[in-house]
Every structure is written in C-alpha cells, then in structure tokens.
Amino acid sequence: MLGIAMSDLTTHETASGSPADHRRVERAILFLAREFRSQPSLERAAAEVGLSPHHFQRLFTRWAGVSPKRFVQYLTAEHAKSLLRSSASVLETAFGAGLSGPGRLHDLVVAVEAMTPGELKRGGEGLEVRFGFQPSPFGECLVAVTVRGVCALSFVGGGGRAAASSELARQWPRAARREDPEAAAAVVRAAFGPPGSGPGLRLLVAGTNLQIKVWSALLRVPAGSAVSYGDLARAAGHQGAARAVGAALARNPLAVLIPCHRVLLGTGAFGEYRWGADRKRALLAWESARAV
C-alpha cells in the first residue's frame, strides 16, 4: 500500500492561489480543452471566466507557466504524437531502472504499498479513513488518507459529492470514515503545487497483481512524457496485454498521483480517461508546460 506521513506535509499555496482562482483556472482549462480546435482568442477565454484579458493572462500564466495561447498548442493531437515519439528513450531508461521502490512524479517522491489479500478481504476493517473535498485547478477532488497513505484521489463527477462518497464507502466498506478537510488539503497541495515544493507521499492501493504492476509502471513515466498502452504492458511484464492494461487504468483509485492520464493510444490519440477526455488532455498539456 501507499502511505502518507501527514506530519511531513507543509502548508504552501498552489501556483493558482485562492479557491476562487482555482475555480477560474478550472473553468478556463476545461474551456480551452473543449474549444482548442477553434483556437479561441485571449479575449474569448477571458470572457469565459469573467476576467479582463490582462488579468486572465496573468492568472493563467502564473498557474500553467505558459500563456493561454501556448497552452492551446499543447492540447493538440500533434503534440500528443510528439510526446510519444520524444518519450521513447526517456521511457527506456525509466523502465530499465525497475518497477519497485520509489518513483518520481514531477519532483514529488511517491512510494507505493499494496494491500495484502487478507486486508482486501477485510475491506479496510481496523483502518480509519479520513476524507475531504477540495478544489483543484482541474475540478473538485475527493481525497482520502489513512495512517498508511493516500488511498483515494478522484475528481467529483456528475453525480456530485454524494456519488463520490458512495464510491469511497464501496472501496472501504468496513473502515471507519471521518471528515478531515485539512488532511485532504495537504494532499491536494502536494499533488498540484509547484514542482519540488511538496513532501514525499505514500500511497495505499488495493488491486490485483496485474493492476499493481501497471500502477507501479506508471510511476516511472516522467511528467511531460507519455506512453502507449502496448509499451506500458511490456513495462509491467505483460506484453500483448494492452486490453488488460486499459482495465487496470480504469480502476486506478488515485488520479494524478498514479498518472494514468499519461497513457495514449499508439497512434497518438488521447483515448479514454476515467475522469473525462477534456481533463486528460488538460493534464497532459499542464505537465508539458511545466516540464519545459
């Protein structure tokens, strides 16, 4: 399982600042991800979030590290194809280092621990799961932590908080659950803050042997890079099991922290994403901008 030492978490602001800024950036990036084909102007994007072009440009650039116009270029299919081409040698090196032990996620050290079969069967009995809802630049998140690590990070979907809470209860049916917004906020700061500013995270995951191999392999894919389903299957030791890899990605309980958004079709097409295609496109663009 992956665990998190909450005492190691330090308070710091994300690049986008206040919750109001989070909401504006969220609206802006999802708007750009939907409308990138029309090359929306700065004025049109600024109007979408209720800011003047000048203030919108400053806010967005502070958060993304690039202008809105440059960000739109990262959202295209051509950029996705170039990611696959340019990532080949990087991925060979990363995967050659092995799949066990700590990986790196945009300068955030992450360690993974898997639940034992007995623990899986007990459904979290004896564990306390602390959870909370927090804003992020990509939408509201539900975050859950235990003394052994972060056990859930998901984007709240169309079913709202009630559906997200029900899913958490399904995943941990016998755990004691209580709200802890501060613990959730600390994880969001670490996941979405500036590179190098967050502490190490431990993650607690529950899955089959194949799923855990796939999730561990994903932690070797550097930010600003992408990998195909086939390459990921080979890295996980299951060459030819691209479909099984896709199923493992669909069960990933930790958005962003286990970066399933970095997996593309071999053609460079973005493919499916558990939390929405527009969000996947925006996450890849954001990481590409920060990796420059």
Protein backbone atom coordinates (compact mmCIF):
# COMPACT_ATOMS: atom_id res chain seq x y z
CA MET A 1 0.00 0.00 0.00
CA LEU A 2 0.95 3.60 -0.35
CA GLY A 3 1.04 5.61 2.83
CA ILE A 4 1.46 9.25 3.72
CA ALA A 5 3.14 10.70 6.76
CA MET A 6 0.79 13.59 7.42
CA SER A 7 3.26 15.18 9.85
CA ASP A 8 5.63 15.66 6.90
CA LEU A 9 3.14 17.81 4.99
CA THR A 10 3.83 21.52 4.93
CA THR A 11 1.38 24.28 4.14
CA HIS A 12 2.03 26.17 0.93
CA GLU A 13 -0.09 27.87 -1.70
CA THR A 14 -0.55 26.27 -5.09
CA ALA A 15 0.51 28.20 -8.13
CA SER A 16 -3.05 29.32 -8.74
CA GLY A 17 -3.61 30.68 -5.22
CA SER A 18 -7.07 31.06 -3.74
CA PRO A 19 -10.13 28.79 -4.17
CA ALA A 20 -11.63 31.49 -6.42
CA ASP A 21 -8.54 31.31 -8.63
CA HIS A 22 -8.84 27.52 -8.65
CA ARG A 23 -12.38 27.78 -9.98
CA ARG A 24 -11.41 30.28 -12.66
CA VAL A 25 -8.46 28.18 -13.79
CA GLU A 26 -10.62 25.05 -13.79
CA ARG A 27 -13.21 26.73 -16.00
CA ALA A 28 -10.50 28.11 -18.26
CA ILE A 29 -8.62 24.88 -18.84
CA LEU A 30 -11.74 22.83 -19.47
CA PHE A 31 -12.97 25.53 -21.85
CA LEU A 32 -9.67 25.51 -23.74
CA ALA A 33 -9.62 21.69 -23.79
CA ARG A 34 -13.09 21.67 -25.36
CA GLU A 35 -12.54 24.53 -27.79
CA PHE A 36 -8.86 24.24 -28.76
CA ARG A 37 -9.69 23.28 -32.34
CA SER A 38 -11.17 26.74 -32.91
CA GLN A 39 -8.05 28.41 -31.46
CA PRO A 40 -10.02 30.62 -29.04
CA SER A 41 -8.69 34.15 -28.62
CA LEU A 42 -7.41 35.55 -25.34
CA GLU A 43 -10.48 37.80 -25.17
CA ARG A 44 -12.87 34.89 -25.62
CA ALA A 45 -11.16 32.76 -22.97
CA ALA A 46 -11.04 35.68 -20.52
CA ALA A 47 -14.75 36.34 -21.00
CA GLU A 48 -15.47 32.69 -20.22
CA VAL A 49 -14.11 33.16 -16.68
CA GLY A 50 -15.26 36.75 -16.15
CA LEU A 51 -11.87 38.47 -16.20
CA SER A 52 -10.25 41.13 -18.34
CA PRO A 53 -7.78 39.76 -20.90
CA HIS A 54 -4.88 41.29 -18.96
CA HIS A 55 -5.82 39.74 -15.62
CA PHE A 56 -6.69 36.41 -17.20
CA GLN A 57 -3.33 36.24 -18.97
CA ARG A 58 -1.50 36.90 -15.70
CA LEU A 59 -3.53 34.38 -13.69
CA PHE A 60 -3.28 31.62 -16.26
CA THR A 61 0.43 32.11 -16.91
CA ARG A 62 1.15 32.08 -13.17
CA TRP A 63 -0.66 28.77 -12.86
CA ALA A 64 0.40 26.99 -16.06
CA GLY A 65 3.81 28.54 -16.65
CA VAL A 66 2.86 29.44 -20.23
CA SER A 67 0.38 31.77 -21.89
CA PRO A 68 -3.13 30.55 -22.77
CA LYS A 69 -2.16 30.64 -26.46
CA ARG A 70 0.85 28.40 -25.86
CA PHE A 71 -1.25 26.11 -23.66
CA VAL A 72 -3.69 25.58 -26.55
CA GLN A 73 -0.78 24.32 -28.66
CA TYR A 74 -0.10 21.65 -26.03
CA LEU A 75 -3.73 20.48 -26.27
CA THR A 76 -3.50 19.31 -29.88
CA ALA A 77 -3.22 15.78 -31.20
CA GLU A 78 0.05 16.70 -32.90
CA HIS A 79 1.57 17.46 -29.53
CA ALA A 80 0.38 14.10 -28.22
CA LYS A 81 2.09 12.34 -31.12
CA SER A 82 5.31 14.22 -30.48
CA LEU A 83 5.15 13.20 -26.81
CA LEU A 84 5.12 9.54 -27.79
CA ARG A 85 7.99 10.00 -30.22
CA SER A 86 10.19 12.03 -27.88
CA SER A 87 9.45 9.92 -24.82
CA ALA A 88 10.81 6.65 -26.22
CA SER A 89 14.42 6.95 -24.99
CA VAL A 90 13.35 8.53 -21.71
CA LEU A 91 10.95 5.69 -21.01
CA GLU A 92 13.51 3.02 -21.83
CA THR A 93 15.78 4.49 -19.18
CA ALA A 94 12.98 4.93 -16.66
CA PHE A 95 11.59 1.42 -17.08
CA GLY A 96 15.09 -0.04 -17.12
CA ALA A 97 15.52 1.20 -13.57
CA GLY A 98 12.94 -1.36 -12.42
CA LEU A 99 9.38 -1.17 -11.22
CA SER A 100 9.83 -1.44 -7.46
CA GLY A 101 10.70 1.24 -4.95
CA PRO A 102 10.03 4.96 -5.11
CA GLY A 103 9.14 6.62 -8.40
CA ARG A 104 9.11 10.31 -9.32
CA LEU A 105 6.07 12.41 -10.13
CA HIS A 106 7.13 15.95 -11.20
CA ASP A 107 9.66 16.08 -8.35
CA LEU A 108 7.20 14.55 -5.88
CA VAL A 109 8.60 11.37 -4.35
CA VAL A 110 5.94 8.67 -4.27
CA ALA A 111 6.16 5.24 -2.66
CA VAL A 112 3.59 2.50 -3.22
CA GLU A 113 2.43 -0.17 -0.81
CA ALA A 114 -0.15 -2.79 -1.80
CA MET A 115 -2.76 -4.27 0.48
CA THR A 116 -2.40 -7.96 1.27
CA PRO A 117 -5.13 -10.40 0.15
CA GLY A 118 -6.24 -10.69 3.77
CA GLU A 119 -6.56 -6.94 4.13
CA LEU A 120 -8.51 -6.78 0.88
CA LYS A 121 -10.93 -9.38 2.17
CA ARG A 122 -11.48 -7.42 5.40
CA GLY A 123 -12.45 -4.32 3.41
CA GLY A 124 -10.42 -1.90 5.49
CA GLU A 125 -11.58 -3.20 8.85
CA GLY A 126 -9.47 -1.63 11.61
CA LEU A 127 -8.42 1.33 9.45
CA GLU A 128 -9.59 4.91 9.82
CA VAL A 129 -10.12 6.67 6.50
CA ARG A 130 -10.03 10.46 6.74
CA PHE A 131 -11.51 12.26 3.75
CA GLY A 132 -12.43 15.66 2.42
CA PHE A 133 -13.46 17.57 -0.69
CA GLN A 134 -11.01 20.13 -2.04
CA PRO A 135 -10.82 22.41 -5.10
CA SER A 136 -8.06 21.90 -7.66
CA PRO A 137 -7.27 23.54 -10.99
CA PHE A 138 -8.85 20.51 -12.68
CA GLY A 139 -12.03 20.35 -10.65
CA GLU A 140 -13.18 19.44 -7.17
CA CYS A 141 -11.45 16.37 -5.69
CA LEU A 142 -12.36 13.81 -3.10
CA VAL A 143 -9.22 12.83 -1.18
CA ALA A 144 -8.93 10.08 1.42
CA VAL A 145 -5.95 9.17 3.60
CA THR A 146 -5.07 6.56 6.19
CA VAL A 147 -2.11 6.31 8.55
CA ARG A 148 -0.52 4.13 5.88
CA GLY A 149 -1.01 6.50 2.98
CA VAL A 150 -3.28 8.25 0.50
CA CYS A 151 -5.93 5.72 -0.53
CA ALA A 152 -8.15 7.79 -2.85
CA LEU A 153 -7.96 10.87 -5.05
CA SER A 154 -10.79 11.27 -7.53
CA PHE A 155 -12.42 14.13 -9.40
CA VAL A 156 -16.03 14.72 -8.43
CA GLY A 157 -18.19 13.87 -11.43
CA GLY A 158 -21.77 14.46 -12.50
CA GLY A 159 -23.11 12.53 -9.52
CA GLY A 160 -21.68 15.14 -7.18
CA ARG A 161 -20.27 14.63 -3.72
CA ALA A 162 -22.85 12.01 -2.80
CA ALA A 163 -21.74 9.69 -5.60
CA ALA A 164 -18.07 10.23 -4.77
CA SER A 165 -18.70 9.45 -1.10
CA SER A 166 -20.61 6.31 -2.03
CA GLU A 167 -17.72 5.11 -4.17
CA LEU A 168 -15.31 5.66 -1.28
CA ALA A 169 -17.60 3.65 1.01
CA ARG A 170 -17.73 0.87 -1.58
CA GLN A 171 -13.94 0.75 -1.76
CA TRP A 172 -13.52 0.73 2.03
CA PRO A 173 -16.77 -0.83 3.33
CA ARG A 174 -15.55 -1.75 6.82
CA ALA A 175 -13.22 1.15 7.52
CA ALA A 176 -14.15 3.91 9.94
CA ARG A 177 -14.60 7.07 7.87
CA ARG A 178 -14.49 10.64 9.15
CA GLU A 179 -14.14 14.03 7.52
CA ASP A 180 -10.74 15.73 7.74
CA PRO A 181 -10.54 18.66 5.30
CA GLU A 182 -7.03 19.64 6.43
CA ALA A 183 -5.58 16.22 5.59
CA ALA A 184 -7.25 16.33 2.18
CA ALA A 185 -6.00 19.86 1.51
CA ALA A 186 -2.41 18.82 2.27
CA VAL A 187 -2.54 16.09 -0.36
CA VAL A 188 -4.01 18.45 -2.97
CA ARG A 189 -1.25 20.98 -2.29
CA ALA A 190 1.37 18.29 -2.79
CA ALA A 191 -0.25 16.93 -5.96
CA PHE A 192 -0.94 20.22 -7.74
CA GLY A 193 1.61 22.60 -6.23
CA PRO A 194 4.81 23.85 -7.88
CA PRO A 195 7.35 21.15 -8.81
CA GLY A 196 9.66 20.31 -5.95
CA SER A 197 7.57 22.08 -3.33
CA GLY A 198 5.73 19.05 -1.97
CA PRO A 199 6.83 16.41 0.51
CA GLY A 200 7.04 12.71 -0.16
CA LEU A 201 3.75 10.87 -0.35
CA ARG A 202 2.95 7.30 0.48
CA LEU A 203 0.07 5.69 -1.36
CA LEU A 204 -2.07 2.80 -0.20
CA VAL A 205 -3.59 0.80 -3.06
CA ALA A 206 -5.84 -2.22 -3.34
CA GLY A 207 -5.77 -4.25 -6.53
CA THR A 208 -4.85 -7.44 -8.32
CA ASN A 209 -1.21 -8.31 -9.01
CA LEU A 210 -1.57 -7.10 -12.61
CA GLN A 211 -3.20 -3.83 -11.59
CA ILE A 212 -0.46 -3.09 -9.07
CA LYS A 213 2.24 -3.85 -11.66
CA VAL A 214 0.58 -1.46 -14.11
CA TRP A 215 0.19 1.29 -11.50
CA SER A 216 3.81 0.85 -10.41
CA ALA A 217 4.97 1.07 -14.03
CA LEU A 218 3.03 4.31 -14.44
CA LEU A 219 5.05 5.90 -11.65
CA ARG A 220 8.11 5.52 -13.88
CA VAL A 221 6.61 7.66 -16.65
CA PRO A 222 8.08 11.14 -16.12
CA ALA A 223 5.89 14.23 -16.11
CA GLY A 224 5.78 15.77 -19.56
CA SER A 225 6.07 12.33 -21.17
CA ALA A 226 3.57 9.80 -22.47
CA VAL A 227 3.49 6.07 -23.06
CA SER A 228 1.36 3.81 -25.24
CA TYR A 229 -0.81 1.03 -23.89
CA GLY A 230 1.49 -1.51 -25.52
CA ASP A 231 4.66 -0.02 -24.02
CA LEU A 232 3.04 0.10 -20.60
CA ALA A 233 2.02 -3.57 -20.91
CA ARG A 234 5.62 -4.51 -21.71
CA ALA A 235 6.94 -2.44 -18.81
CA ALA A 236 4.53 -4.23 -16.47
CA GLY A 237 5.77 -7.59 -17.72
CA HIS A 238 2.62 -8.45 -19.70
CA GLN A 239 3.47 -7.89 -23.35
CA GLY A 240 0.40 -8.12 -25.54
CA ALA A 241 -1.98 -7.39 -22.67
CA ALA A 242 -2.92 -3.86 -23.74
CA ARG A 243 -6.61 -4.52 -23.07
CA ALA A 244 -5.87 -5.72 -19.53
CA VAL A 245 -3.75 -2.61 -19.02
CA GLY A 246 -6.71 -0.47 -20.06
CA ALA A 247 -8.88 -2.24 -17.48
CA ALA A 248 -6.26 -1.57 -14.78
CA LEU A 249 -6.17 2.12 -15.69
CA ALA A 250 -9.96 2.29 -15.37
CA ARG A 251 -9.65 1.02 -11.78
CA ASN A 252 -6.91 3.46 -10.74
CA PRO A 253 -8.01 4.93 -7.37
CA LEU A 254 -5.50 7.80 -7.36
CA ALA A 255 -5.93 10.37 -10.12
CA VAL A 256 -2.77 12.34 -10.94
CA LEU A 257 -0.72 10.63 -8.21
CA ILE A 258 -0.79 7.44 -10.30
CA PRO A 259 -0.66 9.22 -13.67
CA CYS A 260 -2.93 7.16 -15.93
CA HIS A 261 -3.56 10.34 -17.95
CA ARG A 262 -0.08 9.82 -19.47
CA VAL A 263 -1.19 6.74 -21.43
CA LEU A 264 -2.08 7.31 -25.09
CA LEU A 265 -3.08 5.12 -28.00
CA GLY A 266 -0.18 4.05 -30.21
CA THR A 267 -1.45 6.43 -32.91
CA GLY A 268 -1.09 9.40 -30.56
CA ALA A 269 -4.84 9.65 -29.99
CA PHE A 270 -5.75 10.51 -26.42
CA GLY A 271 -8.06 7.57 -25.81
CA GLU A 272 -10.37 7.18 -22.83
CA TYR A 273 -9.91 8.52 -19.32
CA ARG A 274 -11.85 7.66 -16.21
CA TRP A 275 -12.33 11.33 -15.31
CA GLY A 276 -13.08 12.69 -18.78
CA ALA A 277 -11.20 13.21 -22.05
CA ASP A 278 -11.03 17.00 -21.69
CA ARG A 279 -9.45 16.68 -18.26
CA LYS A 280 -6.91 14.16 -19.59
CA ARG A 281 -5.95 16.49 -22.42
CA ALA A 282 -5.60 19.40 -19.99
CA LEU A 283 -3.48 17.41 -17.52
CA LEU A 284 -1.05 16.42 -20.26
CA ALA A 285 -0.85 20.00 -21.52
CA TRP A 286 -0.22 21.30 -17.98
CA GLU A 287 2.56 18.81 -17.35
CA SER A 288 4.16 19.52 -20.72
CA ALA A 289 4.18 23.23 -19.97
CA ARG A 290 5.79 22.69 -16.56
CA ALA A 291 8.39 20.29 -17.98
CA VAL A 292 9.79 22.85 -20.43
